[in-house]
Amino acid sequence: MDTITSTATDIKASNAATMEAMTRSSQIWLSGFQEIARIMATMAQTQITASADMCKALGAVKTLPEAIEVHTANAHKCCSKAVDDLSTLATATLKLAERNLAQMPQHDQMTAR
């Protein structure tokens, strides 16, 4: 009977630790996704501003070579910005995964007790 009681107590403690770990993980993911959404919103706003600036610049050109030059410079700027944005998102995603995984060993230690 003591073995059954001991086993039930161990299972209860393990389930409680699992629920705590899941709660912490959910909180980490939520805050991380909020940060990623904020980054993406900033990127979208920057892109909208860049598009408006491009339209203004193209509206001010007087010759075809000038239009080609403006368009080429804008294309280069957009490609560079896209690479920077991708790097920023990859970094934010990696940090989110690292934060979430960092709390996992604590759960393993709790269940080993």
Protein backbone atom coordinates (compact mmCIF):
# COMPACT_ATOMS: atom_id res chain seq x y z
CA MET A 1 0.00 0.00 0.00
CA ASP A 2 2.88 2.35 0.78
CA THR A 3 4.29 1.68 -2.70
CA ILE A 4 0.99 2.66 -4.33
CA THR A 5 0.77 5.83 -2.24
CA SER A 6 4.38 6.68 -3.01
CA THR A 7 3.87 6.08 -6.73
CA ALA A 8 0.71 8.20 -6.77
CA THR A 9 2.53 11.01 -4.97
CA ASP A 10 5.41 10.83 -7.45
CA ILE A 11 3.01 10.94 -10.40
CA LYS A 12 1.17 13.90 -8.91
CA ALA A 13 4.45 15.79 -8.37
CA SER A 14 5.60 14.96 -11.89
CA ASN A 15 2.29 16.13 -13.39
CA ALA A 16 2.46 19.37 -11.40
CA ALA A 17 6.02 19.99 -12.60
CA THR A 18 4.96 19.26 -16.17
CA MET A 19 2.08 21.73 -15.92
CA GLU A 20 4.40 24.39 -14.48
CA ALA A 21 6.87 23.82 -17.34
CA MET A 22 4.08 24.03 -19.92
CA THR A 23 2.82 27.26 -18.37
CA ARG A 24 6.30 28.81 -18.40
CA SER A 25 6.83 27.63 -21.97
CA SER A 26 3.51 29.14 -23.08
CA GLN A 27 4.37 32.46 -21.45
CA ILE A 28 7.77 32.50 -23.14
CA TRP A 29 6.27 31.69 -26.56
CA LEU A 30 3.59 34.33 -26.16
CA SER A 31 6.02 37.09 -25.24
CA GLY A 32 8.37 35.97 -28.02
CA PHE A 33 5.66 36.00 -30.65
CA GLN A 34 4.57 39.44 -29.49
CA GLU A 35 8.14 40.66 -30.01
CA ILE A 36 8.31 39.06 -33.46
CA ALA A 37 4.95 40.63 -34.40
CA ARG A 38 6.25 44.02 -33.26
CA ILE A 39 9.38 43.58 -35.40
CA MET A 40 7.27 42.58 -38.41
CA ALA A 41 4.95 45.56 -37.95
CA THR A 42 7.94 47.89 -37.85
CA MET A 43 9.32 46.27 -41.01
CA ALA A 44 5.97 46.67 -42.78
CA GLN A 45 5.76 50.34 -41.80
CA THR A 46 9.29 50.91 -43.06
CA GLN A 47 8.42 49.21 -46.36
CA ILE A 48 5.29 51.35 -46.79
CA THR A 49 7.34 54.50 -46.20
CA ALA A 50 10.01 53.32 -48.65
CA SER A 51 7.34 52.61 -51.30
CA ALA A 52 5.86 56.08 -50.86
CA ASP A 53 9.32 57.63 -51.14
CA MET A 54 9.97 55.61 -54.30
CA CYS A 55 6.74 56.84 -55.87
CA LYS A 56 7.70 60.44 -55.06
CA ALA A 57 11.18 59.95 -56.50
CA LEU A 58 9.85 58.41 -59.70
CA GLY A 59 7.32 61.22 -60.02
CA ALA A 60 10.13 63.76 -59.93
CA VAL A 61 12.30 62.22 -62.69
CA LYS A 62 12.51 63.97 -66.03
CA THR A 63 14.33 61.44 -68.20
CA LEU A 64 14.31 57.69 -68.75
CA PRO A 65 17.97 57.23 -67.66
CA GLU A 66 17.19 59.14 -64.46
CA ALA A 67 14.17 56.87 -63.84
CA ILE A 68 16.33 53.80 -64.39
CA GLU A 69 18.92 55.14 -61.95
CA VAL A 70 16.28 55.88 -59.29
CA HIS A 71 14.67 52.48 -59.77
CA THR A 72 18.02 50.64 -59.62
CA ALA A 73 19.06 52.46 -56.45
CA ASN A 74 15.70 51.65 -54.87
CA ALA A 75 15.95 47.97 -55.87
CA HIS A 76 19.42 47.76 -54.29
CA LYS A 77 18.17 49.47 -51.13
CA CYS A 78 15.14 47.14 -50.91
CA CYS A 79 17.27 44.01 -51.33
CA SER A 80 19.69 45.15 -48.63
CA LYS A 81 16.79 45.96 -46.32
CA ALA A 82 15.22 42.54 -46.97
CA VAL A 83 18.46 40.79 -45.99
CA ASP A 84 18.72 42.90 -42.82
CA ASP A 85 15.08 42.21 -41.96
CA LEU A 86 15.53 38.47 -42.48
CA SER A 87 18.54 38.54 -40.19
CA THR A 88 16.58 40.44 -37.53
CA LEU A 89 13.70 37.95 -37.68
CA ALA A 90 16.03 34.95 -37.60
CA THR A 91 17.81 36.37 -34.55
CA ALA A 92 14.52 37.05 -32.75
CA THR A 93 13.26 33.55 -33.54
CA LEU A 94 16.50 31.95 -32.36
CA LYS A 95 16.41 33.92 -29.11
CA LEU A 96 12.81 32.81 -28.55
CA ALA A 97 13.73 29.16 -29.04
CA GLU A 98 16.76 29.51 -26.76
CA ARG A 99 14.70 31.15 -24.00
CA ASN A 100 12.11 28.41 -24.22
CA LEU A 101 14.65 25.60 -24.19
CA ALA A 102 16.59 27.19 -21.34
CA GLN A 103 13.77 26.48 -18.93
CA MET A 104 13.49 22.81 -19.95
CA PRO A 105 16.46 21.47 -17.91
CA GLN A 106 14.84 22.96 -14.81
CA HIS A 107 11.80 20.79 -15.50
CA ASP A 108 14.02 17.71 -15.92
CA GLN A 109 15.66 18.45 -12.57
CA MET A 110 12.27 18.86 -10.87
CA THR A 111 10.99 15.52 -12.15
CA ALA A 112 14.23 13.74 -11.17
CA ARG A 113 13.66 14.57 -7.48
